[in-house]
Amino acid sequence: MAKIRLSKNSLQQQQQQLKLYRKLLPSLDLKRRQLTVELQKARGEHTSAQAAADLLENSIGEQLPMLADEQTDLTGLVIMKRYIVGEENIVGTRLPVLEQVEFEVAEYSRLATPAWVDILVVRLKEAAEARVRVRIAEQRVAILEQAVRRISQRVNLFEKILIPTAEKNIQRIRIYLGDAERAAVITSKLAKKKQLARNSRYEEGYP
């Protein structure tokens, strides 16, 4: 830690810094609380997305029990080609948001295949998209957790280090300057007293 100069200029600098720290701290703390709320919200969305994905996957077997006994080859029926992810700004933090999912469906004869295959195609698309939403939700939680950690570190830096240190420095400088001023007054009084004594001796004819 740099040594503090015990001077009036240093006192002024420390006072200006303290004023700046106290001005910045409320906005940092507000951002921390806002990000914490968003993190809680993102965790809830992730839980909901996970539950929805599990439900969709389970519902395929329940709605289409014939899948277990059907001899029709459905391999590669639905393939997810890609998904497009955009961004949104939440309290200064960029978060991914799912914009679009593109699928490729294998060609099949609607006359030669059972009618329930059409339903299966829809359900497979829904389940795949649900899994992507779970992945995006996980990313949002991870990004917000990191953002909360960073802003919390900054708030703690201001609250526990910068502001207390500036306050202690100001107090130390003020004590030093006060002591120096009192010492100067005493020295001045002693010098004045000596001068008066010298003048008195001179007036009385003493050398």
N, C-alpha and C. Protein backbone atom coordinates (compact mmCIF):
# COMPACT_ATOMS: atom_id res chain seq x y z
N MET A 1 0.84 -1.19 0.00
CA MET A 1 0.00 0.00 0.00
C MET A 1 0.88 1.25 0.00
N ALA A 2 0.55 2.21 -0.86
CA ALA A 2 1.35 3.43 -0.97
C ALA A 2 1.27 4.24 0.32
N LYS A 3 2.40 4.87 0.65
CA LYS A 3 2.46 5.67 1.86
C LYS A 3 1.71 6.98 1.64
N ILE A 4 0.87 7.33 2.60
CA ILE A 4 0.07 8.55 2.49
C ILE A 4 0.88 9.74 2.98
N ARG A 5 0.92 10.79 2.19
CA ARG A 5 1.58 12.02 2.61
C ARG A 5 0.67 12.77 3.57
N LEU A 6 1.23 13.20 4.67
CA LEU A 6 0.43 13.89 5.70
C LEU A 6 0.47 15.39 5.43
N SER A 7 -0.33 15.80 4.44
CA SER A 7 -0.36 17.20 4.04
C SER A 7 -1.78 17.61 3.69
N LYS A 8 -1.98 18.92 3.55
CA LYS A 8 -3.31 19.44 3.21
C LYS A 8 -3.73 19.00 1.81
N ASN A 9 -2.77 18.96 0.87
CA ASN A 9 -3.09 18.49 -0.49
C ASN A 9 -3.53 17.03 -0.48
N SER A 10 -2.82 16.23 0.30
CA SER A 10 -3.19 14.81 0.42
C SER A 10 -4.56 14.67 1.06
N LEU A 11 -4.85 15.49 2.05
CA LEU A 11 -6.16 15.47 2.71
C LEU A 11 -7.26 15.76 1.70
N GLN A 12 -7.03 16.76 0.86
CA GLN A 12 -8.02 17.12 -0.15
C GLN A 12 -8.23 15.99 -1.15
N GLN A 13 -7.14 15.35 -1.55
CA GLN A 13 -7.24 14.22 -2.49
C GLN A 13 -8.04 13.07 -1.89
N GLN A 14 -7.76 12.76 -0.63
CA GLN A 14 -8.48 11.67 0.04
C GLN A 14 -9.96 12.00 0.19
N GLN A 15 -10.27 13.25 0.48
CA GLN A 15 -11.67 13.67 0.61
C GLN A 15 -12.40 13.57 -0.72
N GLN A 16 -11.72 13.93 -1.81
CA GLN A 16 -12.32 13.82 -3.15
C GLN A 16 -12.56 12.36 -3.52
N GLN A 17 -11.59 11.51 -3.21
CA GLN A 17 -11.74 10.09 -3.50
C GLN A 17 -12.89 9.49 -2.70
N LEU A 18 -12.97 9.84 -1.43
CA LEU A 18 -14.05 9.33 -0.58
C LEU A 18 -15.41 9.76 -1.12
N LYS A 19 -15.50 11.00 -1.55
CA LYS A 19 -16.74 11.52 -2.13
C LYS A 19 -17.13 10.73 -3.38
N LEU A 20 -16.13 10.42 -4.22
CA LEU A 20 -16.38 9.65 -5.44
C LEU A 20 -16.82 8.23 -5.11
N TYR A 21 -16.14 7.58 -4.16
CA TYR A 21 -16.51 6.21 -3.77
C TYR A 21 -17.95 6.15 -3.25
N ARG A 22 -18.30 7.11 -2.41
CA ARG A 22 -19.65 7.14 -1.84
C ARG A 22 -20.70 7.43 -2.91
N LYS A 23 -20.30 8.13 -3.94
CA LYS A 23 -21.23 8.43 -5.04
C LYS A 23 -21.46 7.21 -5.92
N LEU A 24 -20.40 6.44 -6.15
CA LEU A 24 -20.49 5.27 -7.03
C LEU A 24 -21.12 4.06 -6.35
N LEU A 25 -20.93 3.93 -5.05
CA LEU A 25 -21.38 2.73 -4.35
C LEU A 25 -22.88 2.44 -4.49
N PRO A 26 -23.77 3.43 -4.33
CA PRO A 26 -25.21 3.13 -4.46
C PRO A 26 -25.59 2.54 -5.81
N SER A 27 -25.00 3.07 -6.90
CA SER A 27 -25.33 2.56 -8.23
C SER A 27 -24.80 1.14 -8.41
N LEU A 28 -23.62 0.86 -7.85
CA LEU A 28 -23.08 -0.50 -7.92
C LEU A 28 -23.94 -1.47 -7.13
N ASP A 29 -24.36 -1.04 -5.96
CA ASP A 29 -25.19 -1.91 -5.12
C ASP A 29 -26.55 -2.16 -5.77
N LEU A 30 -27.10 -1.12 -6.43
CA LEU A 30 -28.37 -1.28 -7.13
C LEU A 30 -28.22 -2.30 -8.26
N LYS A 31 -27.13 -2.18 -9.00
CA LYS A 31 -26.88 -3.13 -10.10
C LYS A 31 -26.72 -4.54 -9.56
N ARG A 32 -26.06 -4.69 -8.43
CA ARG A 32 -25.90 -6.01 -7.83
C ARG A 32 -27.27 -6.61 -7.48
N ARG A 33 -28.13 -5.79 -6.89
CA ARG A 33 -29.46 -6.30 -6.50
C ARG A 33 -30.30 -6.63 -7.73
N GLN A 34 -30.19 -5.82 -8.77
CA GLN A 34 -30.93 -6.10 -10.01
C GLN A 34 -30.44 -7.38 -10.67
N LEU A 35 -29.12 -7.57 -10.71
CA LEU A 35 -28.57 -8.78 -11.31
C LEU A 35 -28.93 -10.02 -10.49
N THR A 36 -28.98 -9.86 -9.17
CA THR A 36 -29.36 -10.97 -8.31
C THR A 36 -30.80 -11.40 -8.58
N VAL A 37 -31.67 -10.41 -8.78
CA VAL A 37 -33.07 -10.72 -9.12
C VAL A 37 -33.13 -11.44 -10.47
N GLU A 38 -32.37 -10.95 -11.45
CA GLU A 38 -32.35 -11.58 -12.77
C GLU A 38 -31.80 -13.00 -12.70
N LEU A 39 -30.82 -13.21 -11.84
CA LEU A 39 -30.25 -14.55 -11.67
C LEU A 39 -31.29 -15.50 -11.10
N GLN A 40 -32.01 -15.07 -10.10
CA GLN A 40 -33.07 -15.89 -9.53
C GLN A 40 -34.13 -16.23 -10.57
N LYS A 41 -34.45 -15.21 -11.38
CA LYS A 41 -35.43 -15.41 -12.46
C LYS A 41 -34.91 -16.42 -13.48
N ALA A 42 -33.63 -16.30 -13.85
CA ALA A 42 -33.03 -17.21 -14.83
C ALA A 42 -32.98 -18.64 -14.31
N ARG A 43 -32.69 -18.78 -13.02
CA ARG A 43 -32.69 -20.12 -12.43
C ARG A 43 -34.08 -20.75 -12.48
N GLY A 44 -35.09 -19.94 -12.23
CA GLY A 44 -36.46 -20.43 -12.32
C GLY A 44 -36.82 -20.83 -13.74
N GLU A 45 -36.37 -20.02 -14.72
CA GLU A 45 -36.64 -20.33 -16.12
C GLU A 45 -35.93 -21.61 -16.54
N HIS A 46 -34.72 -21.80 -16.02
CA HIS A 46 -33.99 -23.03 -16.34
C HIS A 46 -34.71 -24.25 -15.77
N THR A 47 -35.18 -24.13 -14.56
CA THR A 47 -35.92 -25.24 -13.94
C THR A 47 -37.17 -25.55 -14.74
N SER A 48 -37.88 -24.51 -15.16
CA SER A 48 -39.11 -24.70 -15.94
C SER A 48 -38.80 -25.32 -17.30
N ALA A 49 -37.71 -24.86 -17.96
CA ALA A 49 -37.33 -25.40 -19.26
C ALA A 49 -36.95 -26.87 -19.16
N GLN A 50 -36.24 -27.21 -18.07
CA GLN A 50 -35.85 -28.60 -17.87
C GLN A 50 -37.08 -29.49 -17.66
N ALA A 51 -38.00 -29.00 -16.85
CA ALA A 51 -39.23 -29.76 -16.59
C ALA A 51 -40.05 -29.93 -17.87
N ALA A 52 -40.12 -28.87 -18.68
CA ALA A 52 -40.89 -28.93 -19.93
C ALA A 52 -40.26 -29.93 -20.90
N ALA A 53 -38.92 -29.94 -20.97
CA ALA A 53 -38.23 -30.87 -21.87
C ALA A 53 -38.46 -32.32 -21.43
N ASP A 54 -38.36 -32.57 -20.13
CA ASP A 54 -38.60 -33.93 -19.61
C ASP A 54 -40.03 -34.36 -19.89
N LEU A 55 -40.97 -33.43 -19.69
CA LEU A 55 -42.38 -33.76 -19.91
C LEU A 55 -42.64 -34.10 -21.37
N LEU A 56 -42.04 -33.33 -22.28
CA LEU A 56 -42.25 -33.59 -23.71
C LEU A 56 -41.68 -34.95 -24.10
N GLU A 57 -40.50 -35.27 -23.60
CA GLU A 57 -39.90 -36.56 -23.95
C GLU A 57 -40.71 -37.73 -23.40
N ASN A 58 -41.20 -37.55 -22.18
CA ASN A 58 -42.02 -38.62 -21.59
C ASN A 58 -43.37 -38.75 -22.30
N SER A 59 -43.90 -37.62 -22.75
CA SER A 59 -45.22 -37.65 -23.37
C SER A 59 -45.20 -38.35 -24.72
N ILE A 60 -44.04 -38.37 -25.38
CA ILE A 60 -43.96 -39.05 -26.68
C ILE A 60 -44.28 -40.53 -26.52
N GLY A 61 -43.67 -41.15 -25.50
CA GLY A 61 -43.94 -42.57 -25.26
C GLY A 61 -45.37 -42.82 -24.82
N GLU A 62 -45.92 -41.87 -24.04
CA GLU A 62 -47.30 -42.05 -23.54
C GLU A 62 -48.33 -41.84 -24.64
N GLN A 63 -48.09 -40.82 -25.49
CA GLN A 63 -49.05 -40.53 -26.56
C GLN A 63 -48.93 -41.50 -27.73
N LEU A 64 -47.71 -42.02 -27.91
CA LEU A 64 -47.48 -42.91 -29.05
C LEU A 64 -46.90 -44.24 -28.57
N PRO A 65 -47.68 -45.03 -27.82
CA PRO A 65 -47.19 -46.31 -27.29
C PRO A 65 -46.84 -47.30 -28.40
N MET A 66 -47.41 -47.09 -29.60
CA MET A 66 -47.14 -48.00 -30.70
C MET A 66 -45.69 -47.96 -31.18
N LEU A 67 -44.95 -46.94 -30.72
CA LEU A 67 -43.54 -46.84 -31.10
C LEU A 67 -42.74 -48.06 -30.64
N ALA A 68 -43.12 -48.61 -29.51
CA ALA A 68 -42.37 -49.73 -28.93
C ALA A 68 -42.49 -50.98 -29.79
N ASP A 69 -43.62 -51.17 -30.46
CA ASP A 69 -43.85 -52.40 -31.23
C ASP A 69 -43.74 -52.19 -32.73
N GLU A 70 -43.68 -50.94 -33.16
CA GLU A 70 -43.68 -50.65 -34.60
C GLU A 70 -42.36 -51.05 -35.24
N GLN A 71 -42.46 -51.68 -36.40
CA GLN A 71 -41.28 -52.13 -37.13
C GLN A 71 -40.77 -51.09 -38.12
N THR A 72 -41.50 -49.99 -38.27
CA THR A 72 -41.10 -48.95 -39.22
C THR A 72 -39.79 -48.30 -38.77
N ASP A 73 -38.85 -48.15 -39.69
CA ASP A 73 -37.56 -47.52 -39.38
C ASP A 73 -37.73 -46.00 -39.37
N LEU A 74 -37.57 -45.44 -38.20
CA LEU A 74 -37.76 -43.99 -38.05
C LEU A 74 -36.43 -43.27 -37.79
N THR A 75 -35.33 -43.97 -38.04
CA THR A 75 -34.01 -43.37 -37.83
C THR A 75 -33.82 -42.16 -38.74
N GLY A 76 -33.38 -41.05 -38.16
CA GLY A 76 -33.14 -39.84 -38.95
C GLY A 76 -34.40 -39.17 -39.43
N LEU A 77 -35.52 -39.50 -38.80
CA LEU A 77 -36.79 -38.88 -39.22
C LEU A 77 -36.75 -37.36 -39.06
N VAL A 78 -36.26 -36.91 -37.93
CA VAL A 78 -36.15 -35.47 -37.67
C VAL A 78 -34.73 -35.14 -37.24
N ILE A 79 -34.11 -34.24 -37.96
CA ILE A 79 -32.74 -33.81 -37.64
C ILE A 79 -32.73 -32.29 -37.46
N MET A 80 -32.15 -31.84 -36.37
CA MET A 80 -32.05 -30.40 -36.15
C MET A 80 -30.82 -29.90 -36.92
N LYS A 81 -31.06 -29.01 -37.87
CA LYS A 81 -29.97 -28.48 -38.70
C LYS A 81 -29.15 -27.43 -37.94
N ARG A 82 -29.84 -26.49 -37.33
CA ARG A 82 -29.15 -25.42 -36.59
C ARG A 82 -30.17 -24.65 -35.76
N TYR A 83 -29.64 -23.87 -34.84
CA TYR A 83 -30.50 -22.94 -34.11
C TYR A 83 -29.80 -21.59 -34.04
N ILE A 84 -30.59 -20.55 -34.10
CA ILE A 84 -30.07 -19.19 -34.14
C ILE A 84 -30.27 -18.53 -32.78
N VAL A 85 -29.18 -17.99 -32.26
CA VAL A 85 -29.21 -17.37 -30.93
C VAL A 85 -28.92 -15.88 -31.06
N GLY A 86 -29.79 -15.08 -30.50
CA GLY A 86 -29.59 -13.64 -30.46
C GLY A 86 -29.10 -13.21 -29.08
N GLU A 87 -29.15 -11.92 -28.83
CA GLU A 87 -28.69 -11.39 -27.54
C GLU A 87 -29.69 -10.37 -27.01
N GLU A 88 -29.77 -10.30 -25.71
CA GLU A 88 -30.52 -9.23 -25.07
C GLU A 88 -29.69 -8.67 -23.93
N ASN A 89 -29.87 -7.39 -23.70
CA ASN A 89 -29.08 -6.70 -22.67
C ASN A 89 -29.92 -6.58 -21.40
N ILE A 90 -29.46 -7.24 -20.36
CA ILE A 90 -30.14 -7.19 -19.06
C ILE A 90 -29.20 -6.56 -18.05
N VAL A 91 -29.53 -5.36 -17.61
CA VAL A 91 -28.72 -4.64 -16.60
C VAL A 91 -27.25 -4.60 -17.03
N GLY A 92 -27.03 -4.32 -18.32
CA GLY A 92 -25.67 -4.21 -18.81
C GLY A 92 -24.98 -5.53 -19.08
N THR A 93 -25.71 -6.63 -18.96
CA THR A 93 -25.14 -7.96 -19.19
C THR A 93 -25.78 -8.59 -20.43
N ARG A 94 -24.96 -9.05 -21.35
CA ARG A 94 -25.47 -9.64 -22.58
C ARG A 94 -25.81 -11.12 -22.35
N LEU A 95 -27.07 -11.43 -22.64
CA LEU A 95 -27.54 -12.80 -22.43
C LEU A 95 -28.05 -13.39 -23.73
N PRO A 96 -27.80 -14.69 -23.95
CA PRO A 96 -28.30 -15.33 -25.18
C PRO A 96 -29.81 -15.54 -25.11
N VAL A 97 -30.43 -15.45 -26.26
CA VAL A 97 -31.87 -15.71 -26.34
C VAL A 97 -32.13 -16.49 -27.63
N LEU A 98 -32.89 -17.57 -27.53
CA LEU A 98 -33.16 -18.43 -28.69
C LEU A 98 -34.14 -17.73 -29.63
N GLU A 99 -33.74 -17.60 -30.88
CA GLU A 99 -34.60 -16.92 -31.86
C GLU A 99 -35.27 -17.89 -32.83
N GLN A 100 -34.53 -18.92 -33.22
CA GLN A 100 -35.10 -19.82 -34.23
C GLN A 100 -34.40 -21.17 -34.21
N VAL A 101 -35.17 -22.22 -34.47
CA VAL A 101 -34.61 -23.57 -34.60
C VAL A 101 -35.04 -24.13 -35.94
N GLU A 102 -34.09 -24.67 -36.70
CA GLU A 102 -34.39 -25.19 -38.02
C GLU A 102 -34.21 -26.71 -38.03
N PHE A 103 -35.19 -27.39 -38.60
CA PHE A 103 -35.16 -28.87 -38.65
C PHE A 103 -35.18 -29.35 -40.09
N GLU A 104 -34.71 -30.56 -40.24
CA GLU A 104 -34.80 -31.25 -41.53
C GLU A 104 -35.55 -32.56 -41.28
N VAL A 105 -36.64 -32.73 -41.99
CA VAL A 105 -37.47 -33.92 -41.82
C VAL A 105 -37.26 -34.84 -43.02
N ALA A 106 -36.94 -36.10 -42.74
CA ALA A 106 -36.72 -37.07 -43.81
C ALA A 106 -38.02 -37.29 -44.59
N GLU A 107 -37.87 -37.50 -45.87
CA GLU A 107 -39.06 -37.74 -46.71
C GLU A 107 -39.64 -39.13 -46.40
N TYR A 108 -40.93 -39.15 -46.27
CA TYR A 108 -41.61 -40.43 -46.05
C TYR A 108 -42.99 -40.36 -46.69
N SER A 109 -43.46 -41.51 -47.10
CA SER A 109 -44.76 -41.58 -47.77
C SER A 109 -45.87 -41.55 -46.74
N ARG A 110 -46.74 -40.59 -46.86
CA ARG A 110 -47.85 -40.48 -45.92
C ARG A 110 -48.90 -41.56 -46.15
N LEU A 111 -48.81 -42.22 -47.30
CA LEU A 111 -49.74 -43.33 -47.57
C LEU A 111 -49.18 -44.65 -47.05
N ALA A 112 -47.84 -44.77 -47.13
CA ALA A 112 -47.21 -46.04 -46.74
C ALA A 112 -46.84 -46.09 -45.27
N THR A 113 -46.93 -44.98 -44.57
CA THR A 113 -46.57 -44.96 -43.15
C THR A 113 -47.81 -44.65 -42.32
N PRO A 114 -47.81 -45.09 -41.07
CA PRO A 114 -48.97 -44.84 -40.20
C PRO A 114 -49.20 -43.34 -40.00
N ALA A 115 -50.43 -42.98 -39.74
CA ALA A 115 -50.80 -41.57 -39.56
C ALA A 115 -50.12 -40.95 -38.35
N TRP A 116 -49.83 -41.76 -37.34
CA TRP A 116 -49.24 -41.21 -36.12
C TRP A 116 -47.80 -40.71 -36.31
N VAL A 117 -47.16 -41.06 -37.47
CA VAL A 117 -45.81 -40.57 -37.76
C VAL A 117 -45.82 -39.04 -37.87
N ASP A 118 -46.91 -38.48 -38.42
CA ASP A 118 -47.02 -37.02 -38.51
C ASP A 118 -46.98 -36.39 -37.12
N ILE A 119 -47.68 -37.03 -36.19
CA ILE A 119 -47.69 -36.53 -34.80
C ILE A 119 -46.30 -36.67 -34.20
N LEU A 120 -45.64 -37.79 -34.51
CA LEU A 120 -44.30 -38.03 -33.99
C LEU A 120 -43.33 -36.94 -34.45
N VAL A 121 -43.44 -36.54 -35.72
CA VAL A 121 -42.56 -35.50 -36.26
C VAL A 121 -42.70 -34.21 -35.45
N VAL A 122 -43.95 -33.84 -35.16
CA VAL A 122 -44.21 -32.62 -34.39
C VAL A 122 -43.62 -32.74 -32.98
N ARG A 123 -43.85 -33.90 -32.36
CA ARG A 123 -43.37 -34.09 -30.99
C ARG A 123 -41.83 -34.11 -30.92
N LEU A 124 -41.19 -34.73 -31.91
CA LEU A 124 -39.72 -34.76 -31.93
C LEU A 124 -39.14 -33.35 -32.09
N LYS A 125 -39.79 -32.55 -32.93
CA LYS A 125 -39.35 -31.16 -33.09
C LYS A 125 -39.49 -30.40 -31.77
N GLU A 126 -40.63 -30.59 -31.12
CA GLU A 126 -40.87 -29.89 -29.86
C GLU A 126 -39.86 -30.30 -28.79
N ALA A 127 -39.57 -31.60 -28.73
CA ALA A 127 -38.63 -32.10 -27.73
C ALA A 127 -37.22 -31.58 -27.99
N ALA A 128 -36.82 -31.58 -29.25
CA ALA A 128 -35.48 -31.09 -29.59
C ALA A 128 -35.34 -29.60 -29.28
N GLU A 129 -36.36 -28.83 -29.63
CA GLU A 129 -36.32 -27.40 -29.33
C GLU A 129 -36.31 -27.15 -27.83
N ALA A 130 -37.03 -27.97 -27.10
CA ALA A 130 -37.07 -27.84 -25.64
C ALA A 130 -35.67 -28.06 -25.05
N ARG A 131 -34.93 -29.02 -25.61
CA ARG A 131 -33.58 -29.29 -25.12
C ARG A 131 -32.65 -28.11 -25.42
N VAL A 132 -32.84 -27.48 -26.56
CA VAL A 132 -32.04 -26.30 -26.88
C VAL A 132 -32.35 -25.18 -25.89
N ARG A 133 -33.62 -25.04 -25.57
CA ARG A 133 -34.01 -24.00 -24.61
C ARG A 133 -33.39 -24.26 -23.23
N VAL A 134 -33.26 -25.51 -22.87
CA VAL A 134 -32.59 -25.86 -21.60
C VAL A 134 -31.13 -25.43 -21.66
N ARG A 135 -30.48 -25.69 -22.80
CA ARG A 135 -29.07 -25.33 -22.97
C ARG A 135 -28.88 -23.81 -22.89
N ILE A 136 -29.75 -23.07 -23.55
CA ILE A 136 -29.67 -21.60 -23.51
C ILE A 136 -29.93 -21.09 -22.10
N ALA A 137 -30.89 -21.71 -21.42
CA ALA A 137 -31.21 -21.30 -20.05
C ALA A 137 -30.02 -21.53 -19.12
N GLU A 138 -29.30 -22.64 -19.33
CA GLU A 138 -28.10 -22.92 -18.54
C GLU A 138 -27.04 -21.85 -18.77
N GLN A 139 -26.88 -21.44 -20.02
CA GLN A 139 -25.89 -20.41 -20.35
C GLN A 139 -26.25 -19.09 -19.69
N ARG A 140 -27.53 -18.75 -19.70
CA ARG A 140 -27.97 -17.50 -19.08
C ARG A 140 -27.68 -17.50 -17.58
N VAL A 141 -27.93 -18.64 -16.94
CA VAL A 141 -27.65 -18.75 -15.50
C VAL A 141 -26.16 -18.59 -15.24
N ALA A 142 -25.33 -19.25 -16.04
CA ALA A 142 -23.88 -19.19 -15.85
C ALA A 142 -23.35 -17.76 -16.03
N ILE A 143 -23.85 -17.07 -17.05
CA ILE A 143 -23.40 -15.70 -17.32
C ILE A 143 -23.82 -14.77 -16.18
N LEU A 144 -25.05 -14.92 -15.72
CA LEU A 144 -25.54 -14.07 -14.63
C LEU A 144 -24.83 -14.37 -13.32
N GLU A 145 -24.51 -15.63 -13.07
CA GLU A 145 -23.75 -15.97 -11.86
C GLU A 145 -22.40 -15.27 -11.86
N GLN A 146 -21.75 -15.27 -13.02
CA GLN A 146 -20.45 -14.61 -13.13
C GLN A 146 -20.60 -13.10 -12.95
N ALA A 147 -21.66 -12.53 -13.54
CA ALA A 147 -21.89 -11.09 -13.42
C ALA A 147 -22.16 -10.70 -11.97
N VAL A 148 -22.92 -11.51 -11.26
CA VAL A 148 -23.22 -11.23 -9.85
C VAL A 148 -21.95 -11.33 -9.02
N ARG A 149 -21.11 -12.32 -9.31
CA ARG A 149 -19.84 -12.45 -8.57
C ARG A 149 -18.97 -11.22 -8.78
N ARG A 150 -18.88 -10.76 -10.02
CA ARG A 150 -18.02 -9.61 -10.32
C ARG A 150 -18.53 -8.33 -9.65
N ILE A 151 -19.83 -8.07 -9.77
CA ILE A 151 -20.36 -6.83 -9.19
C ILE A 151 -20.31 -6.90 -7.67
N SER A 152 -20.47 -8.09 -7.10
CA SER A 152 -20.38 -8.25 -5.65
C SER A 152 -18.95 -7.96 -5.17
N GLN A 153 -17.97 -8.41 -5.95
CA GLN A 153 -16.57 -8.13 -5.61
C GLN A 153 -16.30 -6.63 -5.62
N ARG A 154 -16.87 -5.92 -6.60
CA ARG A 154 -16.67 -4.47 -6.69
C ARG A 154 -17.34 -3.76 -5.51
N VAL A 155 -18.57 -4.20 -5.18
CA VAL A 155 -19.27 -3.59 -4.05
C VAL A 155 -18.47 -3.81 -2.76
N ASN A 156 -17.98 -5.04 -2.57
CA ASN A 156 -17.19 -5.34 -1.37
C ASN A 156 -15.90 -4.53 -1.34
N LEU A 157 -15.31 -4.33 -2.52
CA LEU A 157 -14.08 -3.52 -2.60
C LEU A 157 -14.35 -2.10 -2.10
N PHE A 158 -15.46 -1.53 -2.53
CA PHE A 158 -15.81 -0.17 -2.10
C PHE A 158 -16.18 -0.14 -0.62
N GLU A 159 -17.03 -1.11 -0.21
CA GLU A 159 -17.54 -1.09 1.16
C GLU A 159 -16.48 -1.43 2.20
N LYS A 160 -15.64 -2.42 1.90
CA LYS A 160 -14.74 -2.97 2.92
C LYS A 160 -13.29 -2.49 2.80
N ILE A 161 -12.93 -1.91 1.66
CA ILE A 161 -11.53 -1.51 1.49
C ILE A 161 -11.40 -0.02 1.16
N LEU A 162 -11.94 0.39 0.01
CA LEU A 162 -11.69 1.75 -0.47
C LEU A 162 -12.25 2.82 0.46
N ILE A 163 -13.53 2.70 0.83
CA ILE A 163 -14.15 3.71 1.68
C ILE A 163 -13.54 3.72 3.08
N PRO A 164 -13.43 2.56 3.77
CA PRO A 164 -12.79 2.57 5.11
C PRO A 164 -11.35 3.09 5.08
N THR A 165 -10.60 2.71 4.03
CA THR A 165 -9.20 3.17 3.93
C THR A 165 -9.14 4.68 3.78
N ALA A 166 -9.99 5.23 2.92
CA ALA A 166 -10.02 6.69 2.72
C ALA A 166 -10.42 7.40 4.01
N GLU A 167 -11.39 6.84 4.73
CA GLU A 167 -11.83 7.44 6.00
C GLU A 167 -10.69 7.44 7.03
N LYS A 168 -9.97 6.32 7.11
CA LYS A 168 -8.85 6.22 8.05
C LYS A 168 -7.73 7.19 7.67
N ASN A 169 -7.46 7.30 6.36
CA ASN A 169 -6.42 8.22 5.91
C ASN A 169 -6.77 9.66 6.25
N ILE A 170 -8.04 10.01 6.03
CA ILE A 170 -8.49 11.37 6.34
C ILE A 170 -8.35 11.66 7.83
N GLN A 171 -8.77 10.70 8.63
CA GLN A 171 -8.65 10.87 10.08
C GLN A 171 -7.18 11.01 10.51
N ARG A 172 -6.34 10.18 9.93
CA ARG A 172 -4.91 10.22 10.26
C ARG A 172 -4.28 11.56 9.88
N ILE A 173 -4.61 12.04 8.67
CA ILE A 173 -4.04 13.31 8.21
C ILE A 173 -4.55 14.47 9.06
N ARG A 174 -5.85 14.43 9.39
CA ARG A 174 -6.41 15.50 10.22
C ARG A 174 -5.76 15.55 11.60
N ILE A 175 -5.54 14.38 12.19
CA ILE A 175 -4.89 14.32 13.50
C ILE A 175 -3.48 14.89 13.40
N TYR A 176 -2.77 14.48 12.36
CA TYR A 176 -1.40 14.96 12.18
C TYR A 176 -1.37 16.48 11.98
N LEU A 177 -2.25 16.97 11.10
CA LEU A 177 -2.27 18.41 10.83
C LEU A 177 -2.70 19.19 12.07
N GLY A 178 -3.64 18.61 12.82
CA GLY A 178 -4.08 19.26 14.06
C GLY A 178 -2.96 19.34 15.07
N ASP A 179 -2.24 18.22 15.21
CA ASP A 179 -1.11 18.20 16.14
C ASP A 179 -0.02 19.19 15.70
N ALA A 180 0.23 19.22 14.39
CA ALA A 180 1.25 20.12 13.86
C ALA A 180 0.86 21.58 14.08
N GLU A 181 -0.46 21.84 13.91
CA GLU A 181 -0.93 23.22 14.11
C GLU A 181 -0.81 23.62 15.58
N ARG A 182 -1.17 22.70 16.47
CA ARG A 182 -1.04 23.01 17.90
C ARG A 182 0.42 23.19 18.30
N ALA A 183 1.27 22.34 17.74
CA ALA A 183 2.71 22.47 18.03
C ALA A 183 3.25 23.80 17.54
N ALA A 184 2.76 24.25 16.38
CA ALA A 184 3.20 25.52 15.82
C ALA A 184 2.75 26.68 16.70
N VAL A 185 1.52 26.58 17.23
CA VAL A 185 0.99 27.63 18.11
C VAL A 185 1.82 27.71 19.38
N ILE A 186 2.10 26.52 19.96
CA ILE A 186 2.90 26.49 21.20
C ILE A 186 4.29 27.04 20.95
N THR A 187 4.89 26.63 19.83
CA THR A 187 6.23 27.13 19.49
C THR A 187 6.21 28.64 19.31
N SER A 188 5.15 29.13 18.66
CA SER A 188 5.03 30.58 18.46
C SER A 188 4.88 31.31 19.78
N LYS A 189 4.08 30.75 20.69
CA LYS A 189 3.89 31.38 22.00
C LYS A 189 5.19 31.40 22.79
N LEU A 190 5.93 30.27 22.74
CA LEU A 190 7.20 30.21 23.46
C LEU A 190 8.20 31.22 22.89
N ALA A 191 8.21 31.32 21.59
CA ALA A 191 9.13 32.27 20.95
C ALA A 191 8.76 33.70 21.32
N LYS A 192 7.43 33.96 21.34
CA LYS A 192 6.97 35.30 21.71
C LYS A 192 7.31 35.62 23.16
N LYS A 193 7.17 34.60 24.01
CA LYS A 193 7.48 34.79 25.43
C LYS A 193 8.96 35.08 25.62
N LYS A 194 9.81 34.34 24.90
CA LYS A 194 11.23 34.57 24.98
C LYS A 194 11.60 35.96 24.48
N GLN A 195 10.93 36.37 23.41
CA GLN A 195 11.20 37.69 22.86
C GLN A 195 10.80 38.79 23.84
N LEU A 196 9.66 38.58 24.49
CA LEU A 196 9.21 39.56 25.49
C LEU A 196 10.19 39.64 26.66
N ALA A 197 10.67 38.48 27.07
CA ALA A 197 11.63 38.44 28.18
C ALA A 197 12.92 39.13 27.78
N ARG A 198 13.35 38.89 26.56
CA ARG A 198 14.58 39.52 26.07
C ARG A 198 14.42 41.03 26.01
N ASN A 199 13.25 41.47 25.54
CA ASN A 199 12.97 42.91 25.45
C ASN A 199 12.95 43.54 26.84
N SER A 200 12.38 42.79 27.79
CA SER A 200 12.28 43.31 29.17
C SER A 200 13.68 43.48 29.77
N ARG A 201 14.54 42.48 29.54
CA ARG A 201 15.89 42.56 30.06
C ARG A 201 16.64 43.72 29.42
N TYR A 202 16.38 43.95 28.13
CA TYR A 202 17.04 45.05 27.42
C TYR A 202 16.62 46.40 27.98
N GLU A 203 15.30 46.49 28.27
CA GLU A 203 14.79 47.75 28.83
C GLU A 203 15.34 48.01 30.23
N GLU A 204 15.64 46.96 30.95
CA GLU A 204 16.17 47.11 32.30
C GLU A 204 17.68 47.34 32.30
N GLY A 205 18.27 47.37 31.14
CA GLY A 205 19.69 47.67 31.01
C GLY A 205 20.59 46.48 30.97
N TYR A 206 19.99 45.28 30.94
CA TYR A 206 20.81 44.07 30.85
C TYR A 206 21.15 43.82 29.38
N PRO A 207 22.34 43.31 29.13
CA PRO A 207 22.73 43.03 27.73
C PRO A 207 21.92 41.86 27.17
